[in-house]
N, C-alpha and C. Protein backbone atom coordinates (compact mmCIF):
# COMPACT_ATOMS: atom_id res chain seq x y z
N UNK A 1 41.43 -50.52 -30.07
CA UNK A 1 42.04 -52.01 -30.40
C UNK A 1 43.13 -52.41 -29.48
N UNK A 2 43.16 -53.54 -28.92
CA UNK A 2 44.16 -54.07 -28.19
C UNK A 2 44.88 -54.87 -29.10
N UNK A 3 46.12 -54.93 -29.14
CA UNK A 3 46.97 -56.11 -30.06
C UNK A 3 47.58 -56.64 -29.05
N UNK A 4 47.51 -58.24 -29.31
CA UNK A 4 47.73 -59.36 -28.52
C UNK A 4 49.32 -59.33 -28.03
N UNK A 5 50.26 -58.34 -28.84
CA UNK A 5 51.56 -58.25 -28.27
C UNK A 5 51.61 -57.52 -26.84
N UNK A 6 50.87 -56.47 -26.82
CA UNK A 6 50.78 -55.66 -25.55
C UNK A 6 50.39 -55.95 -24.56
N UNK A 7 49.07 -56.86 -24.29
CA UNK A 7 48.74 -57.80 -23.65
C UNK A 7 49.65 -59.12 -23.25
N UNK A 8 50.24 -59.19 -23.94
CA UNK A 8 51.10 -60.37 -23.60
C UNK A 8 52.17 -60.45 -22.72
N UNK A 9 52.72 -58.61 -23.14
CA UNK A 9 54.12 -58.09 -22.35
C UNK A 9 53.68 -57.34 -21.21
N UNK A 10 52.39 -57.35 -21.20
CA UNK A 10 51.68 -56.88 -19.40
C UNK A 10 51.66 -57.91 -19.11
N UNK A 11 51.14 -58.96 -19.48
CA UNK A 11 51.18 -60.23 -18.72
C UNK A 11 52.72 -61.13 -18.39
N UNK A 12 53.31 -60.77 -19.05
CA UNK A 12 55.06 -61.11 -18.95
C UNK A 12 55.32 -60.18 -17.54
N UNK A 13 55.11 -59.04 -17.65
CA UNK A 13 55.43 -58.00 -16.71
C UNK A 13 55.00 -58.26 -15.17
N UNK A 14 53.63 -58.85 -14.96
CA UNK A 14 53.26 -59.18 -14.01
C UNK A 14 53.85 -60.36 -13.27
N UNK A 15 54.06 -61.30 -14.24
CA UNK A 15 54.87 -62.66 -13.93
C UNK A 15 56.30 -62.28 -13.49
N UNK A 16 56.94 -61.44 -13.91
CA UNK A 16 58.20 -61.20 -13.34
C UNK A 16 58.30 -60.33 -12.08
N UNK A 17 57.53 -59.52 -11.99
CA UNK A 17 57.13 -58.81 -10.48
C UNK A 17 57.16 -59.72 -9.73
N UNK A 18 55.99 -60.65 -9.99
CA UNK A 18 55.73 -61.75 -8.69
C UNK A 18 56.81 -62.52 -8.31
N UNK A 19 57.46 -62.64 -9.55
CA UNK A 19 58.55 -63.93 -9.17
C UNK A 19 59.87 -63.33 -8.61
N UNK A 20 59.95 -62.15 -9.23
CA UNK A 20 61.48 -61.06 -8.66
C UNK A 20 61.24 -60.33 -7.50
N UNK A 21 59.95 -60.32 -7.10
CA UNK A 21 59.47 -59.39 -5.87
C UNK A 21 59.36 -60.22 -4.34
N UNK A 22 61.16 -60.63 -4.11
CA UNK A 22 60.96 -61.33 -3.19
C UNK A 22 62.03 -60.63 -2.06
N UNK A 23 62.30 -59.00 -2.05
CA UNK A 23 63.17 -58.62 -1.27
C UNK A 23 62.55 -57.94 -0.40
N UNK A 24 62.95 -56.60 -0.18
CA UNK A 24 62.82 -55.64 0.62
C UNK A 24 62.79 -54.23 0.16
N UNK A 25 61.61 -53.28 0.27
CA UNK A 25 61.82 -52.05 0.23
C UNK A 25 62.39 -51.32 1.43
N UNK A 26 63.20 -50.38 1.40
CA UNK A 26 63.47 -49.44 2.82
C UNK A 26 63.36 -47.63 2.56
N UNK A 27 62.28 -47.15 3.25
CA UNK A 27 61.54 -45.84 2.84
C UNK A 27 62.60 -45.30 4.27
N UNK A 28 62.82 -43.82 3.63
CA UNK A 28 63.26 -43.19 4.62
C UNK A 28 62.75 -41.90 4.94
N UNK A 29 62.69 -41.54 6.40
CA UNK A 29 61.87 -39.74 6.30
C UNK A 29 63.44 -39.64 7.22
N UNK A 30 63.60 -38.11 6.92
CA UNK A 30 64.62 -37.23 7.10
C UNK A 30 63.60 -36.77 8.81
N UNK A 31 64.34 -36.78 10.00
CA UNK A 31 63.91 -36.08 11.12
C UNK A 31 64.37 -35.01 11.41
N UNK A 32 65.63 -35.02 11.83
CA UNK A 32 66.70 -33.93 12.08
C UNK A 32 68.01 -33.92 11.53
N UNK A 33 68.74 -32.30 11.45
CA UNK A 33 69.63 -32.07 10.84
C UNK A 33 70.63 -32.95 11.45
N UNK A 34 71.32 -33.56 10.75
CA UNK A 34 73.01 -34.27 11.43
C UNK A 34 73.46 -32.87 12.06
N UNK A 35 74.30 -33.25 13.44
CA UNK A 35 74.96 -32.38 13.72
C UNK A 35 76.24 -32.20 13.15
N UNK A 36 76.81 -33.25 12.07
CA UNK A 36 77.70 -33.04 11.77
C UNK A 36 77.87 -33.51 10.33
N UNK A 37 78.45 -33.22 9.40
CA UNK A 37 78.54 -34.09 7.92
C UNK A 37 78.42 -35.65 8.24
N UNK A 38 77.40 -36.16 7.54
CA UNK A 38 77.85 -37.58 7.65
C UNK A 38 78.92 -38.72 6.65
N UNK A 39 79.38 -39.41 7.36
CA UNK A 39 80.18 -40.30 6.40
C UNK A 39 80.01 -41.89 6.34
N UNK A 40 80.24 -42.54 5.09
CA UNK A 40 79.88 -43.40 4.88
C UNK A 40 80.60 -44.59 6.17
N UNK A 41 79.85 -45.73 6.06
CA UNK A 41 80.48 -46.55 7.21
C UNK A 41 80.43 -47.91 6.63
N UNK A 42 81.04 -49.02 7.15
CA UNK A 42 81.42 -50.47 6.70
C UNK A 42 79.49 -50.61 7.73
N UNK A 43 79.35 -52.36 7.16
CA UNK A 43 78.28 -52.43 7.36
C UNK A 43 78.40 -53.06 9.06
N UNK A 44 79.29 -53.55 9.31
CA UNK A 44 79.99 -54.00 10.76
C UNK A 44 80.23 -52.74 11.62
N UNK A 45 80.12 -51.50 10.81
CA UNK A 45 80.34 -50.31 12.00
C UNK A 45 78.84 -49.42 12.35
N UNK A 46 77.94 -50.28 11.53
CA UNK A 46 76.36 -49.74 11.98
C UNK A 46 75.87 -50.43 12.92
N UNK A 47 75.71 -49.32 14.30
CA UNK A 47 74.70 -50.15 15.48
C UNK A 47 73.50 -50.53 14.71
N UNK A 48 72.74 -51.59 15.52
CA UNK A 48 71.57 -51.90 15.89
C UNK A 48 70.74 -51.74 16.89
N UNK A 49 70.03 -50.97 17.62
CA UNK A 49 69.52 -50.95 18.69
C UNK A 49 67.76 -51.80 18.53
N UNK A 50 67.58 -52.52 19.56
CA UNK A 50 66.32 -53.21 19.32
C UNK A 50 65.38 -52.93 20.40
N UNK A 51 65.60 -53.13 21.76
CA UNK A 51 65.18 -53.04 22.92
C UNK A 51 65.49 -51.30 23.90
N UNK A 52 66.82 -51.00 23.52
CA UNK A 52 66.79 -49.84 23.99
C UNK A 52 67.63 -48.86 23.25
N UNK A 53 67.50 -47.56 23.62
CA UNK A 53 68.87 -46.56 23.02
C UNK A 53 69.82 -46.82 23.26
N UNK A 54 70.97 -46.25 22.65
CA UNK A 54 72.40 -46.32 22.49
C UNK A 54 72.40 -45.61 24.02
N UNK A 55 73.48 -45.48 24.87
CA UNK A 55 73.81 -45.18 25.99
C UNK A 55 75.03 -44.04 25.39
N UNK A 56 75.25 -43.98 24.30
CA UNK A 56 76.23 -42.45 23.82
C UNK A 56 75.24 -41.43 23.43
N UNK A 57 76.02 -40.45 23.46
CA UNK A 57 74.86 -39.00 22.86
C UNK A 57 74.48 -39.27 21.52
N UNK A 58 73.44 -38.97 21.08
CA UNK A 58 72.92 -39.29 19.48
C UNK A 58 71.71 -38.23 19.17
N UNK A 59 71.67 -37.87 17.65
CA UNK A 59 70.58 -37.46 17.13
C UNK A 59 69.96 -38.61 16.30
N UNK A 60 68.23 -38.35 16.47
CA UNK A 60 67.67 -38.86 15.60
C UNK A 60 67.60 -38.40 14.24
N UNK A 61 68.18 -38.48 13.16
CA UNK A 61 68.32 -38.14 12.25
C UNK A 61 67.33 -38.55 10.82
N UNK A 62 67.08 -39.71 11.03
CA UNK A 62 66.11 -40.62 9.91
C UNK A 62 65.18 -41.63 10.69
N UNK A 63 64.28 -41.84 10.23
CA UNK A 63 63.24 -43.25 10.52
C UNK A 63 63.25 -43.84 9.16
N UNK A 64 64.24 -45.49 9.39
CA UNK A 64 63.96 -45.99 8.40
C UNK A 64 62.92 -46.98 8.64
N UNK A 65 62.43 -47.41 7.65
CA UNK A 65 61.15 -48.45 7.11
C UNK A 65 61.33 -49.53 6.30
N UNK A 66 61.29 -50.84 7.00
CA UNK A 66 61.59 -51.90 6.15
C UNK A 66 60.02 -52.77 5.66
N UNK A 67 60.04 -52.88 4.47
CA UNK A 67 58.89 -53.65 4.01
C UNK A 67 59.33 -54.55 3.08
N UNK A 68 58.66 -56.31 3.21
CA UNK A 68 58.62 -56.82 2.25
C UNK A 68 57.81 -56.64 0.78
N UNK A 69 58.65 -56.59 -0.32
CA UNK A 69 58.43 -56.26 -1.37
C UNK A 69 57.22 -57.63 -2.09
N UNK A 70 57.04 -58.44 -1.14
CA UNK A 70 55.84 -59.37 -1.88
C UNK A 70 55.47 -60.76 -0.68
N UNK A 71 54.50 -61.12 -0.71
CA UNK A 71 53.96 -61.70 0.50
C UNK A 71 54.80 -63.29 0.18
N UNK A 72 55.24 -63.42 -0.74
CA UNK A 72 55.94 -64.54 -1.01
C UNK A 72 57.45 -64.60 -0.33
N UNK A 73 57.96 -63.40 0.28
CA UNK A 73 59.60 -62.71 0.74
C UNK A 73 59.51 -63.41 1.87
N UNK A 74 60.48 -64.74 1.89
CA UNK A 74 60.28 -65.77 2.92
C UNK A 74 62.06 -65.76 3.88
N UNK A 75 62.75 -64.43 3.23
CA UNK A 75 64.31 -64.06 4.15
C UNK A 75 64.21 -63.87 5.42
N UNK A 76 63.04 -63.70 5.97
CA UNK A 76 63.16 -63.42 7.43
C UNK A 76 63.68 -62.20 8.07
N UNK A 77 63.21 -61.76 9.64
CA UNK A 77 63.89 -60.59 9.81
C UNK A 77 65.56 -60.44 9.69
N UNK A 78 66.33 -61.13 9.94
CA UNK A 78 67.33 -61.14 9.65
C UNK A 78 67.87 -60.45 8.07
N UNK A 79 67.45 -61.07 7.34
CA UNK A 79 67.55 -60.07 6.06
C UNK A 79 67.05 -58.87 5.88
N UNK A 80 65.95 -58.70 6.75
CA UNK A 80 65.41 -57.40 6.80
C UNK A 80 66.55 -56.25 7.25
N UNK A 81 67.13 -57.02 8.72
CA UNK A 81 68.09 -56.01 9.57
C UNK A 81 69.10 -55.41 8.82
N UNK A 82 69.76 -56.55 7.67
CA UNK A 82 70.66 -56.45 7.11
C UNK A 82 70.41 -55.51 6.06
N UNK A 83 69.17 -55.47 5.48
CA UNK A 83 68.87 -54.42 4.58
C UNK A 83 68.83 -52.98 4.95
N UNK A 84 68.33 -53.08 6.20
CA UNK A 84 68.16 -51.51 6.97
C UNK A 84 69.49 -51.02 7.29
N UNK A 85 70.65 -52.13 7.80
CA UNK A 85 71.68 -51.57 7.98
C UNK A 85 72.73 -51.07 6.80
N UNK A 86 72.36 -51.80 5.44
CA UNK A 86 72.91 -51.72 4.54
C UNK A 86 72.68 -50.22 3.89
N UNK A 87 71.47 -49.70 3.99
CA UNK A 87 71.10 -48.52 3.86
C UNK A 87 71.26 -47.33 4.86
N UNK A 88 71.50 -47.72 6.07
CA UNK A 88 72.27 -46.99 7.06
C UNK A 88 74.16 -46.73 7.03
N UNK A 89 74.59 -47.55 6.41
CA UNK A 89 75.63 -47.47 6.30
C UNK A 89 76.46 -46.10 5.38
């Protein structure tokens, strides 16, 4: 027997997920071992390369992917890059 309270709670949960799901999820996949201990950085210290790799020596330690949490996410690419930068700091 299904109780009305549970059905209502289930519908409420779906409604809240739809309304609040306007951000981004970032997924990280490790690629290589860092050559030294990683340290936290400020957001301003994180470089973002979009068209060409860095001219400085580097090791790719992770692949980051950002996905919109909802089709209603309208923050745009700038917000997605900010979130990637935040996760990289």
